[in-house]
Amino acid sequence: MRAAAKLARPDWAEKILILRNRLRFSQGDLASRLNVSAMAVSRWERAINEPPAEAYIELGKMAGDPDCWFFWQRAGLSKADLKRVL
C-alpha cells in the first residue's frame, strides 16, 4: 500500500523533495529558508498541502536554471512574464 501511495505523489511534491535532497537540506533547513514550518515542508513533500506561490518562487530561486521554471510556473509565472520583467 505504501508503494502505491508513493507512485501517486504529484510531480510538484516529488520536485520539492528532489530539490531539498539535492541541496542537502533537512526539512527544517528548507523551512527556515522559506519562512515556513518544517511541518509545512513535510506536508508539501507528502502532497497533503501544496505550497503557496511565494514559496514556489523562492524554490525556483534555490533550484536555479533550468529547474527554476517548473517552480515558477507552479506559482503562475510564465517565461514570457519573467522575460518582460528582466
N, C-alpha and C. Protein backbone atom coordinates (compact mmCIF):
# COMPACT_ATOMS: atom_id res chain seq x y z
N MET A 1 0.83 -1.19 0.00
CA MET A 1 0.00 0.00 0.00
C MET A 1 0.88 1.25 0.00
N ARG A 2 1.94 1.26 0.76
CA ARG A 2 2.82 2.43 0.83
C ARG A 2 3.47 2.71 -0.52
N ALA A 3 3.85 1.68 -1.24
CA ALA A 3 4.46 1.87 -2.57
C ALA A 3 3.46 2.51 -3.52
N ALA A 4 2.21 2.12 -3.44
CA ALA A 4 1.18 2.72 -4.30
C ALA A 4 0.99 4.19 -3.98
N ALA A 5 1.05 4.52 -2.70
CA ALA A 5 0.90 5.92 -2.30
C ALA A 5 2.07 6.75 -2.84
N LYS A 6 3.27 6.17 -2.84
CA LYS A 6 4.44 6.89 -3.34
C LYS A 6 4.31 7.16 -4.83
N LEU A 7 3.78 6.21 -5.57
CA LEU A 7 3.61 6.38 -7.01
C LEU A 7 2.58 7.46 -7.31
N ALA A 8 1.64 7.66 -6.40
CA ALA A 8 0.58 8.62 -6.62
C ALA A 8 0.99 10.06 -6.29
N ARG A 9 2.20 10.26 -5.83
CA ARG A 9 2.65 11.60 -5.45
C ARG A 9 2.69 12.50 -6.68
N PRO A 10 2.10 13.68 -6.60
CA PRO A 10 2.14 14.60 -7.75
C PRO A 10 3.56 15.09 -8.03
N ASP A 11 3.77 15.53 -9.27
CA ASP A 11 5.11 15.96 -9.68
C ASP A 11 5.64 17.10 -8.83
N TRP A 12 4.80 18.02 -8.41
CA TRP A 12 5.28 19.15 -7.61
C TRP A 12 5.82 18.69 -6.27
N ALA A 13 5.20 17.71 -5.65
CA ALA A 13 5.69 17.19 -4.36
C ALA A 13 7.02 16.48 -4.56
N GLU A 14 7.12 15.71 -5.62
CA GLU A 14 8.37 14.99 -5.92
C GLU A 14 9.51 15.97 -6.20
N LYS A 15 9.22 17.03 -6.95
CA LYS A 15 10.25 18.02 -7.28
C LYS A 15 10.76 18.75 -6.04
N ILE A 16 9.88 19.02 -5.09
CA ILE A 16 10.31 19.67 -3.85
C ILE A 16 11.25 18.75 -3.08
N LEU A 17 10.88 17.48 -2.97
CA LEU A 17 11.72 16.51 -2.28
C LEU A 17 13.08 16.36 -2.97
N ILE A 18 13.06 16.27 -4.29
CA ILE A 18 14.32 16.14 -5.05
C ILE A 18 15.20 17.36 -4.84
N LEU A 19 14.60 18.56 -4.90
CA LEU A 19 15.38 19.78 -4.70
C LEU A 19 15.98 19.81 -3.30
N ARG A 20 15.17 19.50 -2.31
CA ARG A 20 15.67 19.52 -0.93
C ARG A 20 16.85 18.55 -0.77
N ASN A 21 16.71 17.37 -1.33
CA ASN A 21 17.80 16.39 -1.24
C ASN A 21 19.04 16.86 -2.01
N ARG A 22 18.83 17.46 -3.18
CA ARG A 22 19.95 17.96 -3.96
C ARG A 22 20.72 19.04 -3.21
N LEU A 23 19.99 19.88 -2.50
CA LEU A 23 20.61 20.96 -1.72
C LEU A 23 21.17 20.45 -0.39
N ARG A 24 20.88 19.20 -0.08
CA ARG A 24 21.29 18.57 1.18
C ARG A 24 20.76 19.33 2.39
N PHE A 25 19.50 19.74 2.29
CA PHE A 25 18.81 20.42 3.38
C PHE A 25 17.92 19.43 4.11
N SER A 26 17.79 19.61 5.40
CA SER A 26 16.75 18.90 6.14
C SER A 26 15.44 19.65 5.86
N GLN A 27 14.34 19.05 6.27
CA GLN A 27 13.07 19.77 6.12
C GLN A 27 13.12 21.06 6.92
N GLY A 28 13.75 21.03 8.07
CA GLY A 28 13.88 22.23 8.89
C GLY A 28 14.72 23.31 8.23
N ASP A 29 15.81 22.89 7.56
CA ASP A 29 16.65 23.85 6.84
C ASP A 29 15.86 24.55 5.74
N LEU A 30 15.16 23.76 4.95
CA LEU A 30 14.37 24.33 3.85
C LEU A 30 13.28 25.23 4.41
N ALA A 31 12.63 24.77 5.45
CA ALA A 31 11.56 25.56 6.07
C ALA A 31 12.08 26.91 6.55
N SER A 32 13.24 26.90 7.15
CA SER A 32 13.84 28.13 7.66
C SER A 32 14.11 29.12 6.53
N ARG A 33 14.60 28.62 5.41
CA ARG A 33 14.89 29.50 4.27
C ARG A 33 13.62 30.05 3.62
N LEU A 34 12.51 29.32 3.79
CA LEU A 34 11.25 29.75 3.18
C LEU A 34 10.32 30.44 4.18
N ASN A 35 10.79 30.57 5.42
CA ASN A 35 9.98 31.19 6.48
C ASN A 35 8.66 30.46 6.69
N VAL A 36 8.73 29.13 6.69
CA VAL A 36 7.57 28.29 7.00
C VAL A 36 8.02 27.26 8.03
N SER A 37 7.10 26.46 8.51
CA SER A 37 7.45 25.42 9.48
C SER A 37 7.97 24.18 8.77
N ALA A 38 8.73 23.38 9.50
CA ALA A 38 9.19 22.10 8.96
C ALA A 38 7.99 21.20 8.64
N MET A 39 6.92 21.34 9.41
CA MET A 39 5.70 20.57 9.15
C MET A 39 5.11 20.94 7.80
N ALA A 40 5.19 22.22 7.42
CA ALA A 40 4.68 22.65 6.11
C ALA A 40 5.45 21.95 5.00
N VAL A 41 6.78 21.91 5.12
CA VAL A 41 7.60 21.24 4.11
C VAL A 41 7.25 19.76 4.06
N SER A 42 7.09 19.13 5.20
CA SER A 42 6.70 17.72 5.25
C SER A 42 5.38 17.50 4.53
N ARG A 43 4.43 18.37 4.76
CA ARG A 43 3.11 18.23 4.12
C ARG A 43 3.20 18.46 2.62
N TRP A 44 4.08 19.34 2.18
CA TRP A 44 4.26 19.54 0.74
C TRP A 44 4.83 18.28 0.11
N GLU A 45 5.87 17.73 0.75
CA GLU A 45 6.52 16.55 0.18
C GLU A 45 5.60 15.34 0.16
N ARG A 46 4.67 15.28 1.09
CA ARG A 46 3.71 14.18 1.11
C ARG A 46 2.44 14.50 0.32
N ALA A 47 2.43 15.68 -0.31
CA ALA A 47 1.31 16.13 -1.16
C ALA A 47 0.01 16.29 -0.38
N ILE A 48 0.13 16.60 0.90
CA ILE A 48 -1.05 16.89 1.70
C ILE A 48 -1.51 18.31 1.43
N ASN A 49 -0.56 19.23 1.35
CA ASN A 49 -0.82 20.63 1.02
C ASN A 49 0.14 21.03 -0.08
N GLU A 50 -0.29 21.95 -0.93
CA GLU A 50 0.59 22.49 -1.96
C GLU A 50 1.12 23.84 -1.49
N PRO A 51 2.39 24.12 -1.78
CA PRO A 51 2.95 25.40 -1.34
C PRO A 51 2.25 26.60 -1.97
N PRO A 52 2.28 27.74 -1.27
CA PRO A 52 1.75 28.96 -1.87
C PRO A 52 2.70 29.47 -2.95
N ALA A 53 2.22 30.38 -3.76
CA ALA A 53 3.01 30.93 -4.86
C ALA A 53 4.34 31.51 -4.38
N GLU A 54 4.33 32.18 -3.24
CA GLU A 54 5.56 32.79 -2.74
C GLU A 54 6.64 31.73 -2.48
N ALA A 55 6.22 30.60 -1.96
CA ALA A 55 7.18 29.52 -1.69
C ALA A 55 7.71 28.95 -3.01
N TYR A 56 6.82 28.79 -4.00
CA TYR A 56 7.27 28.29 -5.30
C TYR A 56 8.30 29.23 -5.93
N ILE A 57 8.10 30.52 -5.78
CA ILE A 57 9.05 31.48 -6.34
C ILE A 57 10.42 31.32 -5.67
N GLU A 58 10.42 31.19 -4.35
CA GLU A 58 11.68 31.01 -3.63
C GLU A 58 12.33 29.67 -3.97
N LEU A 59 11.52 28.62 -4.11
CA LEU A 59 12.06 27.31 -4.50
C LEU A 59 12.72 27.41 -5.87
N GLY A 60 12.12 28.17 -6.77
CA GLY A 60 12.71 28.38 -8.09
C GLY A 60 14.05 29.07 -8.01
N LYS A 61 14.15 30.05 -7.14
CA LYS A 61 15.44 30.74 -6.96
C LYS A 61 16.50 29.78 -6.45
N MET A 62 16.13 28.90 -5.54
CA MET A 62 17.07 27.93 -5.00
C MET A 62 17.45 26.87 -6.03
N ALA A 63 16.50 26.52 -6.89
CA ALA A 63 16.72 25.45 -7.87
C ALA A 63 17.70 25.87 -8.95
N GLY A 64 17.64 27.13 -9.36
CA GLY A 64 18.50 27.58 -10.46
C GLY A 64 17.99 27.09 -11.80
N ASP A 65 18.61 27.57 -12.85
CA ASP A 65 18.21 27.23 -14.22
C ASP A 65 18.70 25.82 -14.55
N PRO A 66 17.94 24.98 -15.17
CA PRO A 66 16.62 25.17 -15.76
C PRO A 66 15.47 24.77 -14.84
N ASP A 67 15.76 24.19 -13.67
CA ASP A 67 14.69 23.70 -12.79
C ASP A 67 13.81 24.81 -12.24
N CYS A 68 14.31 26.03 -12.22
CA CYS A 68 13.55 27.15 -11.68
C CYS A 68 12.21 27.31 -12.39
N TRP A 69 12.19 27.03 -13.69
CA TRP A 69 10.98 27.27 -14.47
C TRP A 69 9.81 26.42 -14.00
N PHE A 70 10.07 25.20 -13.58
CA PHE A 70 8.98 24.35 -13.07
C PHE A 70 8.31 25.02 -11.89
N PHE A 71 9.11 25.47 -10.92
CA PHE A 71 8.55 26.07 -9.71
C PHE A 71 7.87 27.40 -10.02
N TRP A 72 8.47 28.20 -10.87
CA TRP A 72 7.87 29.49 -11.20
C TRP A 72 6.56 29.32 -11.96
N GLN A 73 6.47 28.32 -12.80
CA GLN A 73 5.21 28.06 -13.50
C GLN A 73 4.14 27.61 -12.51
N ARG A 74 4.51 26.85 -11.49
CA ARG A 74 3.55 26.45 -10.46
C ARG A 74 3.04 27.67 -9.71
N ALA A 75 3.86 28.72 -9.65
CA ALA A 75 3.46 29.97 -8.99
C ALA A 75 2.57 30.82 -9.91
N GLY A 76 2.43 30.39 -11.15
CA GLY A 76 1.59 31.13 -12.09
C GLY A 76 2.37 32.07 -13.00
N LEU A 77 3.69 31.98 -12.96
CA LEU A 77 4.52 32.84 -13.81
C LEU A 77 4.92 32.09 -15.07
N SER A 78 4.94 32.79 -16.17
CA SER A 78 5.40 32.18 -17.42
C SER A 78 6.76 32.74 -17.79
N LYS A 79 7.44 32.07 -18.68
CA LYS A 79 8.74 32.56 -19.14
C LYS A 79 8.59 33.94 -19.77
N ALA A 80 7.53 34.14 -20.51
CA ALA A 80 7.30 35.43 -21.16
C ALA A 80 7.13 36.54 -20.12
N ASP A 81 6.38 36.24 -19.04
CA ASP A 81 6.20 37.23 -17.97
C ASP A 81 7.55 37.61 -17.37
N LEU A 82 8.36 36.61 -17.07
CA LEU A 82 9.65 36.87 -16.43
C LEU A 82 10.61 37.60 -17.34
N LYS A 83 10.60 37.26 -18.62
CA LYS A 83 11.50 37.93 -19.56
C LYS A 83 11.12 39.40 -19.71
N ARG A 84 9.82 39.73 -19.62
CA ARG A 84 9.40 41.13 -19.69
C ARG A 84 9.91 41.90 -18.49
N VAL A 85 9.91 41.27 -17.34
CA VAL A 85 10.36 41.93 -16.11
C VAL A 85 11.87 42.10 -16.10
N LEU A 86 12.58 41.07 -16.59
CA LEU A 86 14.04 41.12 -16.60
C LEU A 86 14.48 41.99 -17.73
